PDB file of all heavy atoms in Angstrom:
ATOM      1  N   LEU A   1      69.431  85.463 100.026  1.00  0.00           N
ATOM      2  CA  LEU A   1      70.244  84.402  99.420  1.00  0.00           C
ATOM      3  C   LEU A   1      69.310  83.305  98.920  1.00  0.00           C
ATOM      4  O   LEU A   1      69.231  82.201  99.486  1.00  0.00           O
ATOM      5  CB  LEU A   1      71.262  83.879 100.426  1.00  0.00           C
ATOM      6  CG  LEU A   1      72.276  84.922 100.912  1.00  0.00           C
ATOM      7  CD1 LEU A   1      73.149  84.355 102.025  1.00  0.00           C
ATOM      8  CD2 LEU A   1      73.140  85.419  99.765  1.00  0.00           C
ATOM      9  N   THR A   2      68.607  83.608  97.856  1.00  0.00           N
ATOM     10  CA  THR A   2      67.632  82.675  97.302  1.00  0.00           C
ATOM     11  C   THR A   2      68.333  81.437  96.751  1.00  0.00           C
ATOM     12  O   THR A   2      69.349  81.530  96.067  1.00  0.00           O
ATOM     13  CB  THR A   2      66.829  83.350  96.188  1.00  0.00           C
ATOM     14  OG1 THR A   2      66.248  84.561  96.693  1.00  0.00           O
ATOM     15  CG2 THR A   2      65.727  82.444  95.682  1.00  0.00           C
ATOM     16  N   GLY A   3      67.774  80.264  97.066  1.00  0.00           N
ATOM     17  CA  GLY A   3      68.350  79.005  96.599  1.00  0.00           C
ATOM     18  C   GLY A   3      69.468  78.481  97.466  1.00  0.00           C
ATOM     19  O   GLY A   3      70.096  77.484  97.111  1.00  0.00           O
ATOM     20  N   LEU A   4      69.720  79.151  98.617  1.00  0.00           N
ATOM     21  CA  LEU A   4      70.826  78.757  99.493  1.00  0.00           C
ATOM     22  C   LEU A   4      70.360  78.670 100.930  1.00  0.00           C
ATOM     23  O   LEU A   4      69.561  79.498 101.385  1.00  0.00           O
ATOM     24  CB  LEU A   4      71.981  79.777  99.417  1.00  0.00           C
ATOM     25  CG  LEU A   4      72.701  79.943  98.079  1.00  0.00           C
ATOM     26  CD1 LEU A   4      73.559  81.200  98.109  1.00  0.00           C
ATOM     27  CD2 LEU A   4      73.565  78.730  97.781  1.00  0.00           C
ATOM     28  N   ASP A   5      70.842  77.674 101.660  1.00  0.00           N
ATOM     29  CA  ASP A   5      70.871  77.733 103.117  1.00  0.00           C
ATOM     30  C   ASP A   5      72.203  78.346 103.507  1.00  0.00           C
ATOM     31  O   ASP A   5      73.201  78.172 102.795  1.00  0.00           O
ATOM     32  CB  ASP A   5      70.742  76.333 103.721  1.00  0.00           C
ATOM     33  CG  ASP A   5      69.291  75.939 103.907  1.00  0.00           C
ATOM     34  OD1 ASP A   5      68.409  76.790 103.693  1.00  0.00           O
ATOM     35  OD2 ASP A   5      69.030  74.767 104.255  1.00  0.00           O
ATOM     36  N   TRP A   6      72.245  79.050 104.622  1.00  0.00           N
ATOM     37  CA  TRP A   6      73.493  79.721 104.977  1.00  0.00           C
ATOM     38  C   TRP A   6      73.631  79.804 106.490  1.00  0.00           C
ATOM     39  O   TRP A   6      72.657  79.722 107.238  1.00  0.00           O
ATOM     40  CB  TRP A   6      73.555  81.126 104.361  1.00  0.00           C
ATOM     41  CG  TRP A   6      72.415  82.026 104.762  1.00  0.00           C
ATOM     42  CD1 TRP A   6      71.203  82.138 104.143  1.00  0.00           C
ATOM     43  CD2 TRP A   6      72.377  82.894 105.904  1.00  0.00           C
ATOM     44  NE1 TRP A   6      70.412  83.037 104.809  1.00  0.00           N
ATOM     45  CE2 TRP A   6      71.103  83.522 105.884  1.00  0.00           C
ATOM     46  CE3 TRP A   6      73.277  83.213 106.914  1.00  0.00           C
ATOM     47  CZ2 TRP A   6      70.728  84.440 106.867  1.00  0.00           C
ATOM     48  CZ3 TRP A   6      72.905  84.126 107.884  1.00  0.00           C
ATOM     49  CH2 TRP A   6      71.643  84.732 107.847  1.00  0.00           C
ATOM     50  N   MET A   7      74.870  79.968 106.942  1.00  0.00           N
ATOM     51  CA  MET A   7      75.204  80.186 108.342  1.00  0.00           C
ATOM     52  C   MET A   7      76.309  81.240 108.400  1.00  0.00           C
ATOM     53  O   MET A   7      77.270  81.178 107.632  1.00  0.00           O
ATOM     54  CB  MET A   7      75.712  78.903 109.009  1.00  0.00           C
ATOM     55  CG  MET A   7      74.779  77.727 108.950  1.00  0.00           C
ATOM     56  SD  MET A   7      75.517  76.228 109.680  1.00  0.00           S
ATOM     57  CE  MET A   7      75.497  76.676 111.416  1.00  0.00           C
ATOM     58  N   GLN A   8      76.162  82.225 109.289  1.00  0.00           N
ATOM     59  CA  GLN A   8      77.258  83.156 109.526  1.00  0.00           C
ATOM     60  C   GLN A   8      78.217  82.510 110.510  1.00  0.00           C
ATOM     61  O   GLN A   8      77.820  82.012 111.571  1.00  0.00           O
ATOM     62  CB  GLN A   8      76.751  84.488 110.083  1.00  0.00           C
ATOM     63  CG  GLN A   8      77.870  85.498 110.317  1.00  0.00           C
ATOM     64  CD  GLN A   8      77.368  86.859 110.724  1.00  0.00           C
ATOM     65  OE1 GLN A   8      76.258  87.251 110.362  1.00  0.00           O
ATOM     66  NE2 GLN A   8      78.163  87.603 111.485  1.00  0.00           N
ATOM     67  N   LEU A   9      79.500  82.515 110.162  1.00  0.00           N
ATOM     68  CA  LEU A   9      80.514  81.798 110.938  1.00  0.00           C
ATOM     69  C   LEU A   9      81.171  82.739 111.939  1.00  0.00           C
ATOM     70  O   LEU A   9      82.243  83.287 111.714  1.00  0.00           O
ATOM     71  CB  LEU A   9      81.546  81.181 109.992  1.00  0.00           C
ATOM     72  CG  LEU A   9      80.965  80.212 108.961  1.00  0.00           C
ATOM     73  CD1 LEU A   9      82.052  79.724 108.018  1.00  0.00           C
ATOM     74  CD2 LEU A   9      80.264  79.037 109.639  1.00  0.00           C
ATOM     75  N   GLY A  10      80.499  82.937 113.051  1.00  0.00           N
ATOM     76  CA  GLY A  10      81.061  83.767 114.098  1.00  0.00           C
ATOM     77  C   GLY A  10      80.831  85.252 113.863  1.00  0.00           C
ATOM     78  O   GLY A  10      80.093  85.675 112.966  1.00  0.00           O
ATOM     79  N   GLU A  11      81.494  86.059 114.673  1.00  0.00           N
ATOM     80  CA  GLU A  11      81.358  87.513 114.601  1.00  0.00           C
ATOM     81  C   GLU A  11      82.189  88.076 113.456  1.00  0.00           C
ATOM     82  O   GLU A  11      83.154  87.467 112.990  1.00  0.00           O
ATOM     83  CB  GLU A  11      81.808  88.143 115.923  1.00  0.00           C
ATOM     84  CG  GLU A  11      81.016  87.690 117.143  1.00  0.00           C
ATOM     85  CD  GLU A  11      79.579  88.182 117.118  1.00  0.00           C
ATOM     86  OE1 GLU A  11      79.339  89.248 116.488  1.00  0.00           O
ATOM     87  OE2 GLU A  11      78.714  87.515 117.702  1.00  0.00           O
ATOM     88  N   ASP A  12      81.786  89.279 113.005  1.00  0.00           N
ATOM     89  CA  ASP A  12      82.602  89.992 112.019  1.00  0.00           C
ATOM     90  C   ASP A  12      83.983  90.286 112.605  1.00  0.00           C
ATOM     91  O   ASP A  12      84.125  90.560 113.803  1.00  0.00           O
ATOM     92  CB  ASP A  12      81.928  91.302 111.620  1.00  0.00           C
ATOM     93  CG  ASP A  12      80.590  91.072 110.913  1.00  0.00           C
ATOM     94  OD1 ASP A  12      80.386  89.954 110.400  1.00  0.00           O
ATOM     95  OD2 ASP A  12      79.760  91.999 110.880  1.00  0.00           O
ATOM     96  N   ARG A  13      84.982  90.270 111.759  1.00  0.00           N
ATOM     97  CA  ARG A  13      86.361  90.462 112.223  1.00  0.00           C
ATOM     98  C   ARG A  13      86.923  91.757 111.639  1.00  0.00           C
ATOM     99  O   ARG A  13      86.813  92.007 110.436  1.00  0.00           O
ATOM    100  CB  ARG A  13      87.226  89.268 111.794  1.00  0.00           C
ATOM    101  CG  ARG A  13      88.630  89.269 112.380  1.00  0.00           C
ATOM    102  CD  ARG A  13      89.282  87.908 112.199  1.00  0.00           C
ATOM    103  NE  ARG A  13      89.669  87.660 110.829  1.00  0.00           N
ATOM    104  CZ  ARG A  13      90.930  87.731 110.374  1.00  0.00           C
ATOM    105  NH1 ARG A  13      91.914  88.066 111.194  1.00  0.00           N
ATOM    106  NH2 ARG A  13      91.203  87.467 109.111  1.00  0.00           N
ATOM    107  N   TRP A  14      87.519  92.578 112.499  1.00  0.00           N
ATOM    108  CA  TRP A  14      88.211  93.802 112.085  1.00  0.00           C
ATOM    109  C   TRP A  14      89.678  93.671 112.479  1.00  0.00           C
ATOM    110  O   TRP A  14      89.999  93.277 113.605  1.00  0.00           O
ATOM    111  CB  TRP A  14      87.606  95.027 112.770  1.00  0.00           C
ATOM    112  CG  TRP A  14      86.226  95.369 112.285  1.00  0.00           C
ATOM    113  CD1 TRP A  14      85.051  94.857 112.734  1.00  0.00           C
ATOM    114  CD2 TRP A  14      85.892  96.304 111.247  1.00  0.00           C
ATOM    115  NE1 TRP A  14      84.002  95.394 112.049  1.00  0.00           N
ATOM    116  CE2 TRP A  14      84.481  96.297 111.128  1.00  0.00           C
ATOM    117  CE3 TRP A  14      86.640  97.140 110.412  1.00  0.00           C
ATOM    118  CZ2 TRP A  14      83.803  97.098 110.209  1.00  0.00           C
ATOM    119  CZ3 TRP A  14      85.964  97.942 109.504  1.00  0.00           C
ATOM    120  CH2 TRP A  14      84.566  97.919 109.394  1.00  0.00           C
ATOM    121  N   TYR A  15      90.565  93.997 111.572  1.00  0.00           N
ATOM    122  CA  TYR A  15      91.992  93.892 111.849  1.00  0.00           C
ATOM    123  C   TYR A  15      92.752  94.817 110.907  1.00  0.00           C
ATOM    124  O   TYR A  15      92.183  95.377 109.956  1.00  0.00           O
ATOM    125  CB  TYR A  15      92.470  92.437 111.680  1.00  0.00           C
ATOM    126  CG  TYR A  15      92.239  91.865 110.298  1.00  0.00           C
ATOM    127  CD1 TYR A  15      93.263  91.822 109.353  1.00  0.00           C
ATOM    128  CD2 TYR A  15      90.994  91.369 109.918  1.00  0.00           C
ATOM    129  CE1 TYR A  15      93.057  91.301 108.079  1.00  0.00           C
ATOM    130  CE2 TYR A  15      90.776  90.843 108.656  1.00  0.00           C
ATOM    131  CZ  TYR A  15      91.807  90.817 107.748  1.00  0.00           C
ATOM    132  OH  TYR A  15      91.598  90.313 106.490  1.00  0.00           O
ATOM    133  N   LYS A  16      94.040  94.987 111.170  1.00  0.00           N
ATOM    134  CA  LYS A  16      94.883  95.842 110.349  1.00  0.00           C
ATOM    135  C   LYS A  16      95.987  95.015 109.701  1.00  0.00           C
ATOM    136  O   LYS A  16      96.469  94.041 110.293  1.00  0.00           O
ATOM    137  CB  LYS A  16      95.505  96.966 111.186  1.00  0.00           C
ATOM    138  CG  LYS A  16      94.484  97.986 111.696  1.00  0.00           C
ATOM    139  CD  LYS A  16      95.167  99.106 112.491  1.00  0.00           C
ATOM    140  CE  LYS A  16      94.141 100.132 112.953  1.00  0.00           C
ATOM    141  NZ  LYS A  16      94.777 101.238 113.710  1.00  0.00           N
ATOM    142  N   GLU A  17      96.376  95.421 108.495  1.00  0.00           N
ATOM    143  CA  GLU A  17      97.498  94.776 107.826  1.00  0.00           C
ATOM    144  C   GLU A  17      98.107  95.763 106.836  1.00  0.00           C
ATOM    145  O   GLU A  17      97.527  96.827 106.536  1.00  0.00           O
ATOM    146  CB  GLU A  17      97.079  93.492 107.122  1.00  0.00           C
ATOM    147  CG  GLU A  17      96.181  93.669 105.939  1.00  0.00           C
ATOM    148  CD  GLU A  17      95.873  92.359 105.223  1.00  0.00           C
ATOM    149  OE1 GLU A  17      95.904  91.287 105.858  1.00  0.00           O
ATOM    150  OE2 GLU A  17      95.624  92.416 104.003  1.00  0.00           O
ATOM    151  N   MET A  18      99.293  95.428 106.323  1.00  0.00           N
ATOM    152  CA  MET A  18      99.990  96.290 105.370  1.00  0.00           C
ATOM    153  C   MET A  18      99.564  95.926 103.951  1.00  0.00           C
ATOM    154  O   MET A  18      99.449  94.755 103.609  1.00  0.00           O
ATOM    155  CB  MET A  18     101.495  96.135 105.519  1.00  0.00           C
ATOM    156  CG  MET A  18     102.028  96.526 106.901  1.00  0.00           C
ATOM    157  SD  MET A  18     101.695  98.249 107.333  1.00  0.00           S
ATOM    158  CE  MET A  18     102.683  99.100 106.074  1.00  0.00           C
ATOM    159  N   GLU A  19      99.317  96.946 103.144  1.00  0.00           N
ATOM    160  CA  GLU A  19      98.932  96.764 101.745  1.00  0.00           C
ATOM    161  C   GLU A  19      99.569  97.872 100.915  1.00  0.00           C
ATOM    162  O   GLU A  19      99.275  99.054 101.128  1.00  0.00           O
ATOM    163  CB  GLU A  19      97.406  96.787 101.612  1.00  0.00           C
ATOM    164  CG  GLU A  19      96.915  96.501 100.212  1.00  0.00           C
ATOM    165  CD  GLU A  19      95.405  96.467 100.128  1.00  0.00           C
ATOM    166  OE1 GLU A  19      94.801  95.464 100.551  1.00  0.00           O
ATOM    167  OE2 GLU A  19      94.823  97.461  99.641  1.00  0.00           O
ATOM    168  N   ASP A  20     100.431  97.493  99.995  1.00  0.00           N
ATOM    169  CA  ASP A  20     101.139  98.463  99.143  1.00  0.00           C
ATOM    170  C   ASP A  20     101.902  99.490  99.971  1.00  0.00           C
ATOM    171  O   ASP A  20     101.982 100.677  99.612  1.00  0.00           O
ATOM    172  CB  ASP A  20     100.163  99.173  98.205  1.00  0.00           C
ATOM    173  CG  ASP A  20      99.471  98.219  97.249  1.00  0.00           C
ATOM    174  OD1 ASP A  20     100.092  97.182  96.909  1.00  0.00           O
ATOM    175  OD2 ASP A  20      98.321  98.482  96.869  1.00  0.00           O
ATOM    176  N   GLY A  21     102.444  99.046 101.092  1.00  0.00           N
ATOM    177  CA  GLY A  21     103.231  99.940 101.924  1.00  0.00           C
ATOM    178  C   GLY A  21     102.418 100.793 102.878  1.00  0.00           C
ATOM    179  O   GLY A  21     102.995 101.595 103.620  1.00  0.00           O
ATOM    180  N   PHE A  22     101.090 100.643 102.890  1.00  0.00           N
ATOM    181  CA  PHE A  22     100.232 101.414 103.780  1.00  0.00           C
ATOM    182  C   PHE A  22      99.537 100.471 104.752  1.00  0.00           C
ATOM    183  O   PHE A  22      99.190  99.342 104.405  1.00  0.00           O
ATOM    184  CB  PHE A  22      99.170 102.186 102.986  1.00  0.00           C
ATOM    185  CG  PHE A  22      99.715 103.252 102.082  1.00  0.00           C
ATOM    186  CD1 PHE A  22     100.015 102.973 100.755  1.00  0.00           C
ATOM    187  CD2 PHE A  22      99.949 104.533 102.557  1.00  0.00           C
ATOM    188  CE1 PHE A  22     100.514 103.940  99.914  1.00  0.00           C
ATOM    189  CE2 PHE A  22     100.453 105.510 101.719  1.00  0.00           C
ATOM    190  CZ  PHE A  22     100.750 105.228 100.392  1.00  0.00           C
ATOM    191  N   GLU A  23      99.315 100.961 105.973  1.00  0.00           N
ATOM    192  CA  GLU A  23      98.522 100.202 106.933  1.00  0.00           C
ATOM    193  C   GLU A  23      97.056 100.461 106.640  1.00  0.00           C
ATOM    194  O   GLU A  23      96.594 101.611 106.636  1.00  0.00           O
ATOM    195  CB  GLU A  23      98.851 100.613 108.367  1.00  0.00           C
ATOM    196  CG  GLU A  23      98.117  99.757 109.411  1.00  0.00           C
ATOM    197  CD  GLU A  23      98.457 100.150 110.827  1.00  0.00           C
ATOM    198  OE1 GLU A  23      97.998 101.231 111.244  1.00  0.00           O
ATOM    199  OE2 GLU A  23      99.177  99.397 111.506  1.00  0.00           O
ATOM    200  N   VAL A  24      96.306  99.414 106.379  1.00  0.00           N
ATOM    201  CA  VAL A  24      94.889  99.545 106.046  1.00  0.00           C
ATOM    202  C   VAL A  24      94.058  98.782 107.065  1.00  0.00           C
ATOM    203  O   VAL A  24      94.522  97.851 107.727  1.00  0.00           O
ATOM    204  CB  VAL A  24      94.599  99.014 104.618  1.00  0.00           C
ATOM    205  CG1 VAL A  24      95.345  99.839 103.580  1.00  0.00           C
ATOM    206  CG2 VAL A  24      94.964  97.540 104.501  1.00  0.00           C
ATOM    207  N   LEU A  25      92.802  99.223 107.199  1.00  0.00           N
ATOM    208  CA  LEU A  25      91.852  98.567 108.080  1.00  0.00           C
ATOM    209  C   LEU A  25      91.064  97.549 107.260  1.00  0.00           C
ATOM    210  O   LEU A  25      90.563  97.856 106.173  1.00  0.00           O
ATOM    211  CB  LEU A  25      90.906  99.603 108.695  1.00  0.00           C
ATOM    212  CG  LEU A  25      89.827  99.080 109.655  1.00  0.00           C
ATOM    213  CD1 LEU A  25      90.464  98.463 110.890  1.00  0.00           C
ATOM    214  CD2 LEU A  25      88.873 100.201 110.040  1.00  0.00           C
ATOM    215  N   LYS A  26      90.953  96.320 107.788  1.00  0.00           N
ATOM    216  CA  LYS A  26      90.281  95.244 107.081  1.00  0.00           C
ATOM    217  C   LYS A  26      89.038  94.804 107.860  1.00  0.00           C
ATOM    218  O   LYS A  26      89.026  94.751 109.096  1.00  0.00           O
ATOM    219  CB  LYS A  26      91.208  94.036 106.911  1.00  0.00           C
ATOM    220  CG  LYS A  26      92.339  94.256 105.921  1.00  0.00           C
ATOM    221  CD  LYS A  26      91.856  94.061 104.501  1.00  0.00           C
ATOM    222  CE  LYS A  26      93.000  94.038 103.515  1.00  0.00           C
ATOM    223  NZ  LYS A  26      92.547  93.742 102.146  1.00  0.00           N
ATOM    224  N   PHE A  27      88.004  94.461 107.080  1.00  0.00           N
ATOM    225  CA  PHE A  27      86.769  93.905 107.618  1.00  0.00           C
ATOM    226  C   PHE A  27      86.519  92.567 106.927  1.00  0.00           C
ATOM    227  O   PHE A  27      86.738  92.433 105.716  1.00  0.00           O
ATOM    228  CB  PHE A  27      85.598  94.859 107.348  1.00  0.00           C
ATOM    229  CG  PHE A  27      84.241  94.217 107.461  1.00  0.00           C
ATOM    230  CD1 PHE A  27      83.584  94.138 108.675  1.00  0.00           C
ATOM    231  CD2 PHE A  27      83.615  93.687 106.334  1.00  0.00           C
ATOM    232  CE1 PHE A  27      82.336  93.537 108.768  1.00  0.00           C
ATOM    233  CE2 PHE A  27      82.363  93.088 106.421  1.00  0.00           C
ATOM    234  CZ  PHE A  27      81.720  93.025 107.641  1.00  0.00           C
ATOM    235  N   GLU A  28      86.044  91.566 107.708  1.00  0.00           N
ATOM    236  CA  GLU A  28      85.729  90.273 107.095  1.00  0.00           C
ATOM    237  C   GLU A  28      84.553  89.625 107.806  1.00  0.00           C
ATOM    238  O   GLU A  28      84.499  89.576 109.035  1.00  0.00           O
ATOM    239  CB  GLU A  28      86.925  89.318 107.132  1.00  0.00           C
ATOM    240  CG  GLU A  28      86.638  87.990 106.441  1.00  0.00           C
ATOM    241  CD  GLU A  28      87.815  87.026 106.486  1.00  0.00           C
ATOM    242  OE1 GLU A  28      88.504  86.991 107.522  1.00  0.00           O
ATOM    243  OE2 GLU A  28      88.027  86.312 105.489  1.00  0.00           O
ATOM    244  N   ARG A  29      83.603  89.148 107.005  1.00  0.00           N
ATOM    245  CA  ARG A  29      82.534  88.275 107.490  1.00  0.00           C
ATOM    246  C   ARG A  29      82.606  86.981 106.686  1.00  0.00           C
ATOM    247  O   ARG A  29      82.661  87.010 105.458  1.00  0.00           O
ATOM    248  CB  ARG A  29      81.161  88.912 107.314  1.00  0.00           C
ATOM    249  CG  ARG A  29      80.001  87.968 107.685  1.00  0.00           C
ATOM    250  CD  ARG A  29      78.650  88.627 107.522  1.00  0.00           C
ATOM    251  NE  ARG A  29      78.471  89.699 108.497  1.00  0.00           N
ATOM    252  CZ  ARG A  29      77.362  90.436 108.594  1.00  0.00           C
ATOM    253  NH1 ARG A  29      76.341  90.212 107.771  1.00  0.00           N
ATOM    254  NH2 ARG A  29      77.282  91.390 109.498  1.00  0.00           N
ATOM    255  N   ARG A  30      82.584  85.848 107.391  1.00  0.00           N
ATOM    256  CA  ARG A  30      82.633  84.547 106.724  1.00  0.00           C
ATOM    257  C   ARG A  30      81.291  83.847 106.889  1.00  0.00           C
ATOM    258  O   ARG A  30      80.667  83.893 107.961  1.00  0.00           O
ATOM    259  CB  ARG A  30      83.760  83.683 107.284  1.00  0.00           C
ATOM    260  CG  ARG A  30      85.139  84.231 106.948  1.00  0.00           C
ATOM    261  CD  ARG A  30      86.255  83.350 107.470  1.00  0.00           C
ATOM    262  NE  ARG A  30      86.319  82.061 106.820  1.00  0.00           N
ATOM    263  CZ  ARG A  30      86.917  81.831 105.656  1.00  0.00           C
ATOM    264  NH1 ARG A  30      87.476  82.831 104.984  1.00  0.00           N
ATOM    265  NH2 ARG A  30      86.959  80.609 105.150  1.00  0.00           N
ATOM    266  N   MET A  31      80.871  83.193 105.800  1.00  0.00           N
ATOM    267  CA  MET A  31      79.590  82.510 105.786  1.00  0.00           C
ATOM    268  C   MET A  31      79.761  81.128 105.150  1.00  0.00           C
ATOM    269  O   MET A  31      80.633  80.942 104.290  1.00  0.00           O
ATOM    270  CB  MET A  31      78.544  83.322 105.005  1.00  0.00           C
ATOM    271  CG  MET A  31      78.303  84.714 105.555  1.00  0.00           C
ATOM    272  SD  MET A  31      77.051  85.620 104.604  1.00  0.00           S
ATOM    273  CE  MET A  31      75.589  84.664 105.003  1.00  0.00           C
ATOM    274  N   ALA A  32      78.940  80.197 105.592  1.00  0.00           N
ATOM    275  CA  ALA A  32      78.864  78.870 104.971  1.00  0.00           C
ATOM    276  C   ALA A  32      77.578  78.814 104.166  1.00  0.00           C
ATOM    277  O   ALA A  32      76.490  79.061 104.703  1.00  0.00           O
ATOM    278  CB  ALA A  32      78.887  77.773 106.031  1.00  0.00           C
TER     279      ALA A  32
END
């Protein structure tokens, strides 16, 4: 990440939700 300072905001998150009528697995990493 050239030109940026950054911080990872906690652990990666895995969860499930409905999308177009299907249950899908979601992954999310948040960064500052």
